[in-house]
Amino acid sequence: MIPAPFDYVAPSSVDEAVAALTEAGEDAKVIAGGQSLMPVLRLRMAAPTVLVDLGRVPELRGIRDDGDALVIGATTTHHDVLHDPLVAEHARLLAEATATVADPQIRHRGTFGGSLVHADPAGDLAAPAVALEATFTVAGPSGRRTIATDDFFQDYFTTAVEPGEILVEVRIPKHTGWSARYEKFHRAAQQWSIVGVAATLQATGGTIEQARVALTNMAAVPVRARGVEESLIGRPATAETIREAAELATDGTAPMTDGNADAEYRSHLARVLTRRAVTTASGV
């Protein structure tokens, strides 16, 4: 199917992009890599009057070291995130998860920020962002503001980014030296996760000192598995410790039932994948 007619704007700065969105009003859409939006346009599930293309805004691309954190521009591609040495060194969990996103073609076009703003509960990058306690900078008509990770994801396909605002960058606190693993279960290669688990650990002398675990597709938004984390911290990295902690993975979740899996099966997967992710991350 052919998309409905729309006007096209390609700003060269964040301010120009915000101005274009403000002028166009609520019927405008932002496009970055287009990997989520284009299928929706072609099916006419969305019919914006104006499409604002962020692909020519250099400020929105790239990864930089900012002291205690990495700053990733919103239109940085998955490919660039996956192959950046700063990400590999300081945010290994993000690299692990990005490697599972779709296929190389999609990773060359799709963008880090676009995936996060799309907020599909089955998307693979939101849970790592939550586990790594990312913060999000957005720009709008009233200027820029920062949104904490606990406030960013609000519901199915819904974030705290307001109409007229765009995501500018994501700040990822450094987790240098932390081990990590992203485990996902999907029915076929390159599909969305039925359930995914993002786990990153800091251990010394066989004892888990810090742990961050978050779940994909176990609720309308990514869920931090705090019960798992609390059970792991301060304990030896053994199979028994991990097994006990993984049983707490479903605490605070609200798994859905759909054509891929029912809630009970998703809960089973969450416990199994948590055990696998933490086991691999800990080297047990």
Protein backbone atom coordinates (compact mmCIF):
# COMPACT_ATOMS: atom_id res chain seq x y z
CA MET A 1 0.00 0.00 0.00
CA ILE A 2 1.15 3.56 -0.70
CA PRO A 3 1.33 6.05 2.23
CA ALA A 4 -1.14 8.92 2.37
CA PRO A 5 0.23 12.24 1.02
CA PHE A 6 2.36 14.31 3.39
CA ASP A 7 4.72 17.28 3.36
CA TYR A 8 8.40 16.59 3.99
CA VAL A 9 10.79 18.72 6.06
CA ALA A 10 14.52 18.01 6.55
CA PRO A 11 15.89 20.41 9.20
CA SER A 12 19.62 20.78 9.80
CA SER A 13 19.51 21.57 13.53
CA VAL A 14 17.60 20.57 16.63
CA ASP A 15 16.04 24.03 16.87
CA GLU A 16 14.83 23.81 13.28
CA ALA A 17 13.37 20.37 13.93
CA VAL A 18 11.47 21.59 17.00
CA ALA A 19 10.21 24.63 15.10
CA ALA A 20 8.99 22.41 12.25
CA LEU A 21 7.12 20.16 14.68
CA THR A 22 5.60 23.13 16.46
CA GLU A 23 4.41 24.66 13.20
CA ALA A 24 2.97 21.37 11.92
CA GLY A 25 1.06 20.60 15.11
CA GLU A 26 -0.21 17.27 16.34
CA ASP A 27 -0.46 15.70 12.88
CA ALA A 28 3.33 15.74 12.38
CA LYS A 29 5.58 12.70 12.71
CA VAL A 30 9.32 12.45 13.28
CA ILE A 31 11.37 10.00 11.22
CA ALA A 32 14.94 8.93 11.92
CA GLY A 33 15.90 5.47 10.60
CA GLY A 34 12.31 4.78 9.61
CA GLN A 35 12.40 1.08 10.48
CA SER A 36 9.28 1.34 12.66
CA LEU A 37 7.50 4.26 11.03
CA MET A 38 7.69 3.30 7.35
CA PRO A 39 5.68 0.06 7.67
CA VAL A 40 3.04 1.98 9.64
CA LEU A 41 2.85 4.65 6.93
CA ARG A 42 2.60 2.09 4.16
CA LEU A 43 -0.28 0.36 5.94
CA ARG A 44 -1.89 3.78 6.55
CA MET A 45 -2.09 3.05 10.25
CA ALA A 46 -0.70 6.58 10.52
CA ALA A 47 -1.31 9.44 8.12
CA PRO A 48 0.74 12.47 9.20
CA THR A 49 0.38 15.72 7.30
CA VAL A 50 4.08 16.53 7.81
CA LEU A 51 7.11 14.24 8.15
CA VAL A 52 10.11 15.79 9.92
CA ASP A 53 13.30 13.94 8.94
CA LEU A 54 16.07 14.10 11.57
CA GLY A 55 18.67 12.43 9.36
CA ARG A 56 20.42 15.72 8.49
CA VAL A 57 20.89 16.94 12.07
CA PRO A 58 24.56 16.23 12.92
CA GLU A 59 24.09 17.00 16.64
CA LEU A 60 21.88 13.94 16.98
CA ARG A 61 24.53 11.45 15.82
CA GLY A 62 27.56 10.00 17.53
CA ILE A 63 28.88 8.64 20.82
CA ARG A 64 31.11 10.58 23.18
CA ASP A 65 32.81 10.11 26.52
CA ASP A 66 31.45 12.55 29.10
CA GLY A 67 33.45 11.67 32.19
CA ASP A 68 31.33 9.31 34.24
CA ALA A 69 28.95 8.52 31.38
CA LEU A 70 28.62 7.86 27.67
CA VAL A 71 26.36 10.16 25.67
CA ILE A 72 24.71 8.58 22.63
CA GLY A 73 22.97 10.76 20.06
CA ALA A 74 19.40 9.80 19.28
CA THR A 75 19.98 9.08 15.58
CA THR A 76 23.12 7.02 16.10
CA THR A 77 22.54 3.75 14.25
CA HIS A 78 22.45 0.36 15.94
CA HIS A 79 25.49 -0.59 13.85
CA ASP A 80 27.51 2.30 15.25
CA VAL A 81 26.46 1.52 18.83
CA LEU A 82 27.36 -2.13 18.37
CA HIS A 83 30.83 -1.43 16.99
CA ASP A 84 31.84 1.54 19.13
CA PRO A 85 34.81 0.77 21.43
CA LEU A 86 33.47 3.11 24.16
CA VAL A 87 30.25 1.12 24.35
CA ALA A 88 32.17 -2.16 24.43
CA GLU A 89 34.31 -0.91 27.31
CA HIS A 90 31.83 1.04 29.43
CA ALA A 91 28.37 -0.32 28.56
CA ARG A 92 28.86 -3.92 27.52
CA LEU A 93 25.23 -4.77 28.20
CA LEU A 94 24.11 -2.32 25.54
CA ALA A 95 26.44 -3.88 22.98
CA GLU A 96 25.18 -7.35 23.91
CA ALA A 97 21.55 -6.35 23.36
CA THR A 98 22.19 -4.34 20.19
CA ALA A 99 23.79 -7.39 18.59
CA THR A 100 20.41 -9.16 18.80
CA VAL A 101 18.41 -6.40 17.08
CA ALA A 102 16.92 -7.69 13.83
CA ASP A 103 19.56 -8.15 11.10
CA PRO A 104 22.54 -6.19 9.70
CA GLN A 105 20.37 -4.28 7.21
CA ILE A 106 18.07 -3.03 9.96
CA ARG A 107 21.01 -2.25 12.25
CA HIS A 108 22.57 -0.06 9.56
CA ARG A 109 19.37 1.99 9.18
CA GLY A 110 17.59 1.80 12.53
CA THR A 111 18.54 4.26 15.26
CA PHE A 112 19.16 3.90 18.97
CA GLY A 113 16.91 6.77 19.97
CA GLY A 114 14.20 5.82 17.51
CA SER A 115 13.93 2.36 19.03
CA LEU A 116 13.65 3.78 22.54
CA VAL A 117 11.04 6.41 21.65
CA HIS A 118 9.01 3.83 19.72
CA ALA A 119 8.70 2.03 23.09
CA ASP A 120 7.60 -1.33 21.77
CA PRO A 121 7.50 -3.59 24.87
CA ALA A 122 9.15 -6.32 22.76
CA GLY A 123 12.00 -4.04 21.67
CA ASP A 124 15.43 -5.15 22.83
CA LEU A 125 17.06 -1.87 23.86
CA ALA A 126 14.68 -0.48 26.48
CA ALA A 127 15.48 -3.09 29.14
CA PRO A 128 19.26 -2.49 28.88
CA ALA A 129 18.65 1.26 29.10
CA VAL A 130 16.63 0.70 32.27
CA ALA A 131 19.20 -1.67 33.75
CA LEU A 132 21.99 0.82 33.04
CA GLU A 133 19.91 3.66 34.57
CA ALA A 134 20.01 5.86 31.49
CA THR A 135 18.71 9.42 31.39
CA PHE A 136 17.11 11.03 28.36
CA THR A 137 17.48 14.60 27.07
CA VAL A 138 14.62 15.95 24.99
CA ALA A 139 14.22 19.29 23.26
CA GLY A 140 10.96 21.14 22.74
CA PRO A 141 9.44 24.60 22.37
CA SER A 142 10.23 25.37 26.04
CA GLY A 143 13.86 24.25 25.79
CA ARG A 144 15.56 21.08 26.92
CA ARG A 145 14.79 18.81 29.84
CA THR A 146 16.15 15.57 31.26
CA ILE A 147 13.96 12.56 31.98
CA ALA A 148 15.01 9.79 34.37
CA THR A 149 14.79 6.22 33.18
CA ASP A 150 12.02 5.35 35.66
CA ASP A 151 9.85 8.11 34.16
CA PHE A 152 10.64 7.73 30.47
CA PHE A 153 8.68 4.59 29.54
CA GLN A 154 5.02 5.07 30.43
CA ASP A 155 2.87 2.52 28.56
CA TYR A 156 2.63 0.51 25.36
CA PHE A 157 4.34 2.59 22.65
CA THR A 158 4.22 5.61 24.97
CA THR A 159 7.05 7.63 26.50
CA ALA A 160 7.36 10.91 28.39
CA VAL A 161 8.37 12.71 25.18
CA GLU A 162 5.63 15.29 24.63
CA PRO A 163 4.16 16.42 21.28
CA GLY A 164 6.53 18.93 19.75
CA GLU A 165 9.55 17.42 21.51
CA ILE A 166 12.33 15.24 20.12
CA LEU A 167 14.81 12.97 21.85
CA VAL A 168 18.28 14.51 21.52
CA GLU A 169 20.57 12.14 23.39
CA VAL A 170 20.75 9.34 25.94
CA ARG A 171 23.21 9.42 28.82
CA ILE A 172 24.46 6.01 29.97
CA PRO A 173 26.39 5.89 33.27
CA LYS A 174 29.63 3.99 32.80
CA HIS A 175 29.68 0.39 33.96
CA THR A 176 33.35 -0.17 33.25
CA GLY A 177 34.51 -3.67 34.10
CA TRP A 178 30.98 -5.00 34.58
CA SER A 179 30.18 -8.30 32.90
CA ALA A 180 26.94 -8.54 30.96
CA ARG A 181 24.56 -10.77 29.06
CA TYR A 182 21.33 -10.22 27.11
CA GLU A 183 19.22 -13.34 26.67
CA LYS A 184 16.12 -13.36 24.49
CA PHE A 185 13.62 -15.97 23.38
CA HIS A 186 12.00 -15.58 19.97
CA ARG A 187 10.25 -17.95 17.63
CA ALA A 188 12.48 -17.27 14.64
CA ALA A 189 15.71 -15.44 13.94
CA GLN A 190 15.47 -11.65 13.71
CA GLN A 191 12.02 -11.49 15.34
CA TRP A 192 10.96 -9.43 18.32
CA SER A 193 11.56 -10.90 21.76
CA ILE A 194 8.81 -12.93 23.34
CA VAL A 195 10.79 -12.36 26.56
CA GLY A 196 14.24 -10.91 27.06
CA VAL A 197 16.52 -10.43 30.07
CA ALA A 198 19.27 -7.81 30.39
CA ALA A 199 21.77 -8.57 33.16
CA THR A 200 24.99 -6.81 34.13
CA LEU A 201 27.13 -7.59 37.19
CA GLN A 202 30.16 -6.36 39.06
CA ALA A 203 31.94 -9.10 41.00
CA THR A 204 35.15 -9.31 43.01
CA GLY A 205 36.74 -12.49 44.25
CA GLY A 206 33.72 -14.55 43.29
CA THR A 207 31.27 -12.33 45.20
CA ILE A 208 28.60 -10.32 43.38
CA GLU A 209 28.96 -6.73 44.58
CA GLN A 210 26.44 -5.05 42.27
CA ALA A 211 23.78 -6.33 39.91
CA ARG A 212 21.33 -4.77 37.47
CA VAL A 213 18.63 -6.88 35.80
CA ALA A 214 15.73 -5.74 33.62
CA LEU A 215 13.11 -7.62 31.61
CA THR A 216 11.80 -7.19 28.07
CA ASN A 217 8.12 -7.82 27.21
CA MET A 218 7.02 -8.76 30.72
CA ALA A 219 4.79 -5.69 31.07
CA ALA A 220 3.75 -2.64 29.08
CA VAL A 221 7.15 -1.13 29.89
CA PRO A 222 10.57 -2.64 30.68
CA VAL A 223 10.66 -3.95 34.25
CA ARG A 224 13.60 -3.71 36.64
CA ALA A 225 13.94 -7.06 38.43
CA ARG A 226 14.90 -5.58 41.79
CA GLY A 227 14.13 -8.76 43.69
CA VAL A 228 16.68 -10.61 41.59
CA GLU A 229 19.24 -7.86 42.14
CA GLU A 230 18.77 -7.79 45.91
CA SER A 231 19.04 -11.58 46.09
CA LEU A 232 22.35 -11.54 44.18
CA ILE A 233 24.18 -8.65 45.82
CA GLY A 234 26.69 -9.68 48.47
CA ARG A 235 26.42 -13.37 47.71
CA PRO A 236 28.87 -15.77 46.02
CA ALA A 237 28.42 -16.21 42.28
CA THR A 238 27.31 -19.83 42.41
CA ALA A 239 24.69 -21.83 40.53
CA GLU A 240 22.58 -22.09 43.68
CA THR A 241 22.67 -18.35 44.33
CA ILE A 242 21.63 -17.63 40.76
CA ARG A 243 18.88 -20.25 40.76
CA GLU A 244 17.32 -18.78 43.90
CA ALA A 245 17.55 -15.24 42.56
CA ALA A 246 16.05 -16.16 39.18
CA GLU A 247 12.90 -17.46 40.87
CA LEU A 248 12.17 -13.82 41.83
CA ALA A 249 12.29 -12.58 38.24
CA THR A 250 8.52 -12.32 37.84
CA ASP A 251 7.96 -10.20 40.95
CA GLY A 252 6.25 -6.97 39.93
CA THR A 253 5.64 -8.05 36.34
CA ALA A 254 2.41 -8.08 34.35
CA PRO A 255 3.03 -10.41 31.39
CA MET A 256 0.51 -10.33 28.57
CA THR A 257 -1.18 -13.14 26.71
CA ASP A 258 -1.07 -12.92 22.92
CA GLY A 259 -0.58 -15.08 19.85
CA ASN A 260 3.05 -15.76 20.73
CA ALA A 261 2.72 -16.84 24.36
CA ASP A 262 0.40 -16.71 27.34
CA ALA A 263 1.23 -15.01 30.61
CA GLU A 264 2.18 -18.24 32.39
CA TYR A 265 4.62 -19.24 29.67
CA ARG A 266 6.18 -15.76 29.65
CA SER A 267 6.70 -16.02 33.39
CA HIS A 268 8.42 -19.36 32.95
CA LEU A 269 10.64 -17.87 30.25
CA ALA A 270 11.54 -14.91 32.45
CA ARG A 271 12.85 -17.18 35.20
CA VAL A 272 14.75 -19.44 32.80
CA LEU A 273 16.29 -16.57 30.84
CA THR A 274 17.23 -14.69 34.01
CA ARG A 275 19.10 -17.74 35.24
CA ARG A 276 20.87 -18.07 31.89
CA ALA A 277 21.74 -14.38 31.62
CA VAL A 278 23.10 -14.08 35.15
CA THR A 279 24.97 -17.39 34.87
CA THR A 280 26.71 -16.28 31.69
CA ALA A 281 27.44 -12.81 33.04
CA SER A 282 28.92 -14.22 36.23
CA GLY A 283 31.01 -16.82 34.42
CA VAL A 284 29.65 -19.69 36.51
